[in-house]
Amino acid sequence: MADVHYQIVEHDGGWAYKVGDVFSEAFPTHDQARDAAERAAAEQKVPGATEPIEYQDPAGAWHEEVAQGDDRPGTDVKG
């Protein structure tokens, strides 16, 4: 199972959380950005429905598989 890491960083004149190379919207304060990151991290853990998915890999091949609704990533917030 994957882990998703939320990092609180200065961004666009305020504060944001970052996952990989993707930034959230900017927040006026560090605490507001951390609260938003904590909410987003919690939402990642909410189970969904088990259902079929289809996706294309970087080489252009299509794949079908069943995504387990309870297969949720681990999350953490730093900063």
PDB file of N, CA and C in Angstrom:
ATOM      1  N   MET A   1       0.840  -1.168   0.000  1.00  0.00           N
ATOM      2  CA  MET A   1       0.000   0.000   0.000  1.00  0.00           C
ATOM      3  C   MET A   1       0.899   1.249   0.000  1.00  0.00           C
ATOM      4  N   ALA A   2       0.474   2.240  -0.707  1.00  0.00           N
ATOM      5  CA  ALA A   2       1.244   3.481  -0.846  1.00  0.00           C
ATOM      6  C   ALA A   2       1.077   4.376   0.377  1.00  0.00           C
ATOM      7  N   ASP A   3       2.018   5.285   0.534  1.00  0.00           N
ATOM      8  CA  ASP A   3       1.922   6.318   1.559  1.00  0.00           C
ATOM      9  C   ASP A   3       1.848   7.667   0.856  1.00  0.00           C
ATOM     10  N   VAL A   4       1.002   8.558   1.361  1.00  0.00           N
ATOM     11  CA  VAL A   4       0.862   9.906   0.821  1.00  0.00           C
ATOM     12  C   VAL A   4       1.379  10.873   1.878  1.00  0.00           C
ATOM     13  N   HIS A   5       2.353  11.700   1.506  1.00  0.00           N
ATOM     14  CA  HIS A   5       2.981  12.625   2.434  1.00  0.00           C
ATOM     15  C   HIS A   5       2.575  14.052   2.090  1.00  0.00           C
ATOM     16  N   TYR A   6       2.012  14.748   3.044  1.00  0.00           N
ATOM     17  CA  TYR A   6       1.625  16.148   2.914  1.00  0.00           C
ATOM     18  C   TYR A   6       2.674  16.992   3.619  1.00  0.00           C
ATOM     19  N   GLN A   7       3.272  17.923   2.899  1.00  0.00           N
ATOM     20  CA  GLN A   7       4.317  18.787   3.449  1.00  0.00           C
ATOM     21  C   GLN A   7       3.813  20.223   3.462  1.00  0.00           C
ATOM     22  N   ILE A   8       3.896  20.905   4.597  1.00  0.00           N
ATOM     23  CA  ILE A   8       3.494  22.313   4.693  1.00  0.00           C
ATOM     24  C   ILE A   8       4.682  23.163   4.247  1.00  0.00           C
ATOM     25  N   VAL A   9       4.438  24.056   3.280  1.00  0.00           N
ATOM     26  CA  VAL A   9       5.511  24.873   2.701  1.00  0.00           C
ATOM     27  C   VAL A   9       5.019  26.302   2.461  1.00  0.00           C
ATOM     28  N   GLU A  10       5.966  27.235   2.399  1.00  0.00           N
ATOM     29  CA  GLU A  10       5.629  28.595   1.987  1.00  0.00           C
ATOM     30  C   GLU A  10       5.351  28.563   0.488  1.00  0.00           C
ATOM     31  N   HIS A  11       4.278  29.270   0.071  1.00  0.00           N
ATOM     32  CA  HIS A  11       3.898  29.213  -1.345  1.00  0.00           C
ATOM     33  C   HIS A  11       3.014  30.395  -1.706  1.00  0.00           C
ATOM     34  N   ASP A  12       3.355  31.067  -2.776  1.00  0.00           N
ATOM     35  CA  ASP A  12       2.519  32.106  -3.380  1.00  0.00           C
ATOM     36  C   ASP A  12       2.108  33.182  -2.372  1.00  0.00           C
ATOM     37  N   GLY A  13       3.076  33.609  -1.565  1.00  0.00           N
ATOM     38  CA  GLY A  13       2.815  34.669  -0.597  1.00  0.00           C
ATOM     39  C   GLY A  13       2.121  34.220   0.669  1.00  0.00           C
ATOM     40  N   GLY A  14       1.975  32.931   0.854  1.00  0.00           N
ATOM     41  CA  GLY A  14       1.323  32.402   2.059  1.00  0.00           C
ATOM     42  C   GLY A  14       1.870  31.016   2.350  1.00  0.00           C
ATOM     43  N   TRP A  15       0.972  30.128   2.738  1.00  0.00           N
ATOM     44  CA  TRP A  15       1.345  28.757   3.075  1.00  0.00           C
ATOM     45  C   TRP A  15       0.452  27.799   2.306  1.00  0.00           C
ATOM     46  N   ALA A  16       0.984  26.626   1.990  1.00  0.00           N
ATOM     47  CA  ALA A  16       0.226  25.602   1.274  1.00  0.00           C
ATOM     48  C   ALA A  16       0.692  24.244   1.751  1.00  0.00           C
ATOM     49  N   TYR A  17      -0.049  23.221   1.369  1.00  0.00           N
ATOM     50  CA  TYR A  17       0.484  21.879   1.542  1.00  0.00           C
ATOM     51  C   TYR A  17       0.828  21.349   0.156  1.00  0.00           C
ATOM     52  N   LYS A  18       1.799  20.459   0.141  1.00  0.00           N
ATOM     53  CA  LYS A  18       2.333  19.934  -1.106  1.00  0.00           C
ATOM     54  C   LYS A  18       2.353  18.420  -1.013  1.00  0.00           C
ATOM     55  N   VAL A  19       1.913  17.766  -2.087  1.00  0.00           N
ATOM     56  CA  VAL A  19       2.002  16.313  -2.211  1.00  0.00           C
ATOM     57  C   VAL A  19       2.777  16.051  -3.492  1.00  0.00           C
ATOM     58  N   GLY A  20       3.974  15.512  -3.358  1.00  0.00           N
ATOM     59  CA  GLY A  20       4.838  15.357  -4.528  1.00  0.00           C
ATOM     60  C   GLY A  20       5.193  16.729  -5.065  1.00  0.00           C
ATOM     61  N   ASP A  21       4.872  16.975  -6.332  1.00  0.00           N
ATOM     62  CA  ASP A  21       5.148  18.269  -6.957  1.00  0.00           C
ATOM     63  C   ASP A  21       3.904  19.144  -7.058  1.00  0.00           C
ATOM     64  N   VAL A  22       2.810  18.744  -6.415  1.00  0.00           N
ATOM     65  CA  VAL A  22       1.536  19.444  -6.540  1.00  0.00           C
ATOM     66  C   VAL A  22       1.247  20.240  -5.267  1.00  0.00           C
ATOM     67  N   PHE A  23       0.922  21.532  -5.457  1.00  0.00           N
ATOM     68  CA  PHE A  23       0.612  22.421  -4.339  1.00  0.00           C
ATOM     69  C   PHE A  23      -0.894  22.590  -4.192  1.00  0.00           C
ATOM     70  N   SER A  24      -1.325  22.785  -2.960  1.00  0.00           N
ATOM     71  CA  SER A  24      -2.706  23.182  -2.700  1.00  0.00           C
ATOM     72  C   SER A  24      -2.837  24.672  -2.985  1.00  0.00           C
ATOM     73  N   GLU A  25      -4.012  25.196  -2.784  1.00  0.00           N
ATOM     74  CA  GLU A  25      -4.183  26.646  -2.810  1.00  0.00           C
ATOM     75  C   GLU A  25      -3.366  27.249  -1.669  1.00  0.00           C
ATOM     76  N   ALA A  26      -3.099  28.534  -1.758  1.00  0.00           N
ATOM     77  CA  ALA A  26      -2.349  29.220  -0.694  1.00  0.00           C
ATOM     78  C   ALA A  26      -3.299  29.621   0.433  1.00  0.00           C
ATOM     79  N   PHE A  27      -2.808  29.520   1.648  1.00  0.00           N
ATOM     80  CA  PHE A  27      -3.549  29.925   2.846  1.00  0.00           C
ATOM     81  C   PHE A  27      -2.768  31.039   3.528  1.00  0.00           C
ATOM     82  N   PRO A  28      -3.462  31.954   4.204  1.00  0.00           N
ATOM     83  CA  PRO A  28      -2.765  33.073   4.853  1.00  0.00           C
ATOM     84  C   PRO A  28      -1.812  32.655   5.962  1.00  0.00           C
ATOM     85  N   THR A  29      -2.135  31.565   6.672  1.00  0.00           N
ATOM     86  CA  THR A  29      -1.308  31.168   7.807  1.00  0.00           C
ATOM     87  C   THR A  29      -0.869  29.706   7.693  1.00  0.00           C
ATOM     88  N   HIS A  30       0.209  29.407   8.392  1.00  0.00           N
ATOM     89  CA  HIS A  30       0.715  28.039   8.477  1.00  0.00           C
ATOM     90  C   HIS A  30      -0.348  27.127   9.087  1.00  0.00           C
ATOM     91  N   ASP A  31      -1.002  27.601  10.148  1.00  0.00           N
ATOM     92  CA  ASP A  31      -2.016  26.784  10.824  1.00  0.00           C
ATOM     93  C   ASP A  31      -3.177  26.442   9.900  1.00  0.00           C
ATOM     94  N   GLN A  32      -3.603  27.372   9.066  1.00  0.00           N
ATOM     95  CA  GLN A  32      -4.695  27.100   8.133  1.00  0.00           C
ATOM     96  C   GLN A  32      -4.274  26.068   7.085  1.00  0.00           C
ATOM     97  N   ALA A  33      -3.042  26.173   6.612  1.00  0.00           N
ATOM     98  CA  ALA A  33      -2.542  25.196   5.642  1.00  0.00           C
ATOM     99  C   ALA A  33      -2.434  23.816   6.288  1.00  0.00           C
ATOM    100  N   ARG A  34      -1.966  23.770   7.530  1.00  0.00           N
ATOM    101  CA  ARG A  34      -1.858  22.480   8.220  1.00  0.00           C
ATOM    102  C   ARG A  34      -3.225  21.870   8.466  1.00  0.00           C
ATOM    103  N   ASP A  35      -4.208  22.692   8.872  1.00  0.00           N
ATOM    104  CA  ASP A  35      -5.567  22.181   9.073  1.00  0.00           C
ATOM    105  C   ASP A  35      -6.126  21.593   7.779  1.00  0.00           C
ATOM    106  N   ALA A  36      -5.905  22.282   6.659  1.00  0.00           N
ATOM    107  CA  ALA A  36      -6.383  21.794   5.363  1.00  0.00           C
ATOM    108  C   ALA A  36      -5.681  20.485   4.988  1.00  0.00           C
ATOM    109  N   ALA A  37      -4.384  20.400   5.249  1.00  0.00           N
ATOM    110  CA  ALA A  37      -3.637  19.177   4.962  1.00  0.00           C
ATOM    111  C   ALA A  37      -4.125  18.024   5.827  1.00  0.00           C
ATOM    112  N   GLU A  38      -4.413  18.292   7.086  1.00  0.00           N
ATOM    113  CA  GLU A  38      -4.935  17.247   7.989  1.00  0.00           C
ATOM    114  C   GLU A  38      -6.280  16.734   7.486  1.00  0.00           C
ATOM    115  N   ARG A  39      -7.148  17.648   7.015  1.00  0.00           N
ATOM    116  CA  ARG A  39      -8.449  17.230   6.467  1.00  0.00           C
ATOM    117  C   ARG A  39      -8.253  16.379   5.211  1.00  0.00           C
ATOM    118  N   ALA A  40      -7.372  16.831   4.311  1.00  0.00           N
ATOM    119  CA  ALA A  40      -7.124  16.086   3.075  1.00  0.00           C
ATOM    120  C   ALA A  40      -6.541  14.700   3.380  1.00  0.00           C
ATOM    121  N   ALA A  41      -5.618  14.641   4.332  1.00  0.00           N
ATOM    122  CA  ALA A  41      -5.014  13.363   4.713  1.00  0.00           C
ATOM    123  C   ALA A  41      -6.064  12.416   5.287  1.00  0.00           C
ATOM    124  N   ALA A  42      -6.973  12.944   6.089  1.00  0.00           N
ATOM    125  CA  ALA A  42      -8.041  12.116   6.662  1.00  0.00           C
ATOM    126  C   ALA A  42      -8.970  11.591   5.575  1.00  0.00           C
ATOM    127  N   GLU A  43      -9.261  12.430   4.582  1.00  0.00           N
ATOM    128  CA  GLU A  43     -10.146  12.005   3.493  1.00  0.00           C
ATOM    129  C   GLU A  43      -9.527  10.883   2.668  1.00  0.00           C
ATOM    130  N   GLN A  44      -8.209  10.835   2.573  1.00  0.00           N
ATOM    131  CA  GLN A  44      -7.534   9.764   1.842  1.00  0.00           C
ATOM    132  C   GLN A  44      -7.795   8.397   2.471  1.00  0.00           C
ATOM    133  N   LYS A  45      -8.093   8.387   3.758  1.00  0.00           N
ATOM    134  CA  LYS A  45      -8.268   7.131   4.486  1.00  0.00           C
ATOM    135  C   LYS A  45      -9.702   6.603   4.458  1.00  0.00           C
ATOM    136  N   VAL A  46     -10.641   7.394   3.938  1.00  0.00           N
ATOM    137  CA  VAL A  46     -12.046   6.993   3.929  1.00  0.00           C
ATOM    138  C   VAL A  46     -12.241   5.895   2.884  1.00  0.00           C
ATOM    139  N   PRO A  47     -12.775   4.744   3.308  1.00  0.00           N
ATOM    140  CA  PRO A  47     -12.974   3.670   2.339  1.00  0.00           C
ATOM    141  C   PRO A  47     -14.051   4.035   1.319  1.00  0.00           C
ATOM    142  N   GLY A  48     -13.930   3.448   0.155  1.00  0.00           N
ATOM    143  CA  GLY A  48     -14.916   3.654  -0.902  1.00  0.00           C
ATOM    144  C   GLY A  48     -15.498   2.319  -1.313  1.00  0.00           C
ATOM    145  N   ALA A  49     -16.073   2.290  -2.502  1.00  0.00           N
ATOM    146  CA  ALA A  49     -16.667   1.063  -3.030  1.00  0.00           C
ATOM    147  C   ALA A  49     -15.613   0.286  -3.816  1.00  0.00           C
ATOM    148  N   THR A  50     -15.712  -1.029  -3.752  1.00  0.00           N
ATOM    149  CA  THR A  50     -14.887  -1.875  -4.600  1.00  0.00           C
ATOM    150  C   THR A  50     -15.498  -1.855  -5.987  1.00  0.00           C
ATOM    151  N   GLU A  51     -14.701  -1.473  -6.997  1.00  0.00           N
ATOM    152  CA  GLU A  51     -15.237  -1.371  -8.350  1.00  0.00           C
ATOM    153  C   GLU A  51     -14.134  -1.533  -9.384  1.00  0.00           C
ATOM    154  N   PRO A  52     -14.529  -1.895 -10.605  1.00  0.00           N
ATOM    155  CA  PRO A  52     -13.529  -2.043 -11.660  1.00  0.00           C
ATOM    156  C   PRO A  52     -13.012  -0.674 -12.109  1.00  0.00           C
ATOM    157  N   ILE A  53     -11.721  -0.633 -12.445  1.00  0.00           N
ATOM    158  CA  ILE A  53     -11.135   0.592 -12.998  1.00  0.00           C
ATOM    159  C   ILE A  53     -10.373   0.243 -14.267  1.00  0.00           C
ATOM    160  N   GLU A  54     -10.169   1.234 -15.105  1.00  0.00           N
ATOM    161  CA  GLU A  54      -9.408   1.088 -16.333  1.00  0.00           C
ATOM    162  C   GLU A  54      -8.439   2.260 -16.401  1.00  0.00           C
ATOM    163  N   TYR A  55      -7.175   1.982 -16.753  1.00  0.00           N
ATOM    164  CA  TYR A  55      -6.192   3.063 -16.833  1.00  0.00           C
ATOM    165  C   TYR A  55      -5.164   2.758 -17.917  1.00  0.00           C
ATOM    166  N   GLN A  56      -4.509   3.822 -18.370  1.00  0.00           N
ATOM    167  CA  GLN A  56      -3.487   3.702 -19.401  1.00  0.00           C
ATOM    168  C   GLN A  56      -2.120   3.924 -18.763  1.00  0.00           C
ATOM    169  N   ASP A  57      -1.178   3.040 -19.027  1.00  0.00           N
ATOM    170  CA  ASP A  57       0.169   3.190 -18.463  1.00  0.00           C
ATOM    171  C   ASP A  57       1.009   4.128 -19.339  1.00  0.00           C
ATOM    172  N   PRO A  58       2.203   4.505 -18.878  1.00  0.00           N
ATOM    173  CA  PRO A  58       3.035   5.442 -19.651  1.00  0.00           C
ATOM    174  C   PRO A  58       3.383   4.971 -21.064  1.00  0.00           C
ATOM    175  N   ALA A  59       3.370   3.653 -21.291  1.00  0.00           N
ATOM    176  CA  ALA A  59       3.677   3.123 -22.620  1.00  0.00           C
ATOM    177  C   ALA A  59       2.459   3.125 -23.542  1.00  0.00           C
ATOM    178  N   GLY A  60       1.298   3.501 -23.008  1.00  0.00           N
ATOM    179  CA  GLY A  60       0.091   3.574 -23.828  1.00  0.00           C
ATOM    180  C   GLY A  60      -0.796   2.348 -23.766  1.00  0.00           C
ATOM    181  N   ALA A  61      -0.401   1.329 -23.007  1.00  0.00           N
ATOM    182  CA  ALA A  61      -1.216   0.119 -22.878  1.00  0.00           C
ATOM    183  C   ALA A  61      -2.331   0.339 -21.858  1.00  0.00           C
ATOM    184  N   TRP A  62      -3.502  -0.200 -22.168  1.00  0.00           N
ATOM    185  CA  TRP A  62      -4.641  -0.082 -21.258  1.00  0.00           C
ATOM    186  C   TRP A  62      -4.712  -1.299 -20.353  1.00  0.00           C
ATOM    187  N   HIS A  63      -5.132  -1.070 -19.107  1.00  0.00           N
ATOM    188  CA  HIS A  63      -5.240  -2.135 -18.112  1.00  0.00           C
ATOM    189  C   HIS A  63      -6.595  -2.042 -17.421  1.00  0.00           C
ATOM    190  N   GLU A  64      -7.127  -3.201 -17.050  1.00  0.00           N
ATOM    191  CA  GLU A  64      -8.350  -3.262 -16.256  1.00  0.00           C
ATOM    192  C   GLU A  64      -8.038  -4.037 -14.990  1.00  0.00           C
ATOM    193  N   GLU A  65      -8.552  -3.552 -13.873  1.00  0.00           N
ATOM    194  CA  GLU A  65      -8.390  -4.268 -12.611  1.00  0.00           C
ATOM    195  C   GLU A  65      -9.503  -3.844 -11.670  1.00  0.00           C
ATOM    196  N   VAL A  66      -9.577  -4.520 -10.559  1.00  0.00           N
ATOM    197  CA  VAL A  66     -10.570  -4.195  -9.542  1.00  0.00           C
ATOM    198  C   VAL A  66      -9.872  -3.418  -8.433  1.00  0.00           C
ATOM    199  N   ALA A  67     -10.384  -2.224  -8.144  1.00  0.00           N
ATOM    200  CA  ALA A  67      -9.853  -1.405  -7.053  1.00  0.00           C
ATOM    201  C   ALA A  67     -10.643  -1.732  -5.791  1.00  0.00           C
ATOM    202  N   GLN A  68      -9.942  -2.195  -4.791  1.00  0.00           N
ATOM    203  CA  GLN A  68     -10.581  -2.519  -3.520  1.00  0.00           C
ATOM    204  C   GLN A  68     -10.920  -1.238  -2.772  1.00  0.00           C
ATOM    205  N   GLY A  69     -12.137  -1.076  -2.372  1.00  0.00           N
ATOM    206  CA  GLY A  69     -12.578   0.138  -1.684  1.00  0.00           C
ATOM    207  C   GLY A  69     -11.919   0.353  -0.335  1.00  0.00           C
ATOM    208  N   ASP A  70     -11.387  -0.707   0.250  1.00  0.00           N
ATOM    209  CA  ASP A  70     -10.746  -0.561   1.561  1.00  0.00           C
ATOM    210  C   ASP A  70      -9.221  -0.518   1.456  1.00  0.00           C
ATOM    211  N   ASP A  71      -8.685  -0.448   0.234  1.00  0.00           N
ATOM    212  CA  ASP A  71      -7.238  -0.370   0.013  1.00  0.00           C
ATOM    213  C   ASP A  71      -6.833   1.101   0.001  1.00  0.00           C
ATOM    214  N   ARG A  72      -6.654   1.673   1.175  1.00  0.00           N
ATOM    215  CA  ARG A  72      -6.395   3.104   1.321  1.00  0.00           C
ATOM    216  C   ARG A  72      -4.936   3.338   1.690  1.00  0.00           C
ATOM    217  N   PRO A  73      -4.367   4.443   1.237  1.00  0.00           N
ATOM    218  CA  PRO A  73      -2.959   4.715   1.549  1.00  0.00           C
ATOM    219  C   PRO A  73      -2.767   5.178   2.991  1.00  0.00           C
ATOM    220  N   GLY A  74      -1.561   5.049   3.470  1.00  0.00           N
ATOM    221  CA  GLY A  74      -1.185   5.667   4.726  1.00  0.00           C
ATOM    222  C   GLY A  74      -0.921   7.156   4.445  1.00  0.00           C
ATOM    223  N   THR A  75      -1.146   8.010   5.399  1.00  0.00           N
ATOM    224  CA  THR A  75      -0.917   9.445   5.204  1.00  0.00           C
ATOM    225  C   THR A  75      -0.194  10.039   6.411  1.00  0.00           C
ATOM    226  N   ASP A  76       0.533  11.141   6.159  1.00  0.00           N
ATOM    227  CA  ASP A  76       1.089  11.909   7.253  1.00  0.00           C
ATOM    228  C   ASP A  76       1.241  13.365   6.805  1.00  0.00           C
ATOM    229  N   VAL A  77       1.337  14.251   7.783  1.00  0.00           N
ATOM    230  CA  VAL A  77       1.500  15.687   7.523  1.00  0.00           C
ATOM    231  C   VAL A  77       2.749  16.131   8.249  1.00  0.00           C
ATOM    232  N   LYS A  78       3.645  16.819   7.513  1.00  0.00           N
ATOM    233  CA  LYS A  78       4.890  17.302   8.114  1.00  0.00           C
ATOM    234  C   LYS A  78       5.026  18.797   7.869  1.00  0.00           C
ATOM    235  N   GLY A  79       5.607  19.463   8.818  1.00  0.00           N
ATOM    236  CA  GLY A  79       5.879  20.890   8.652  1.00  0.00           C
ATOM    237  C   GLY A  79       4.967  21.769   9.456  1.00  0.00           C
TER     238      GLY A  79
END
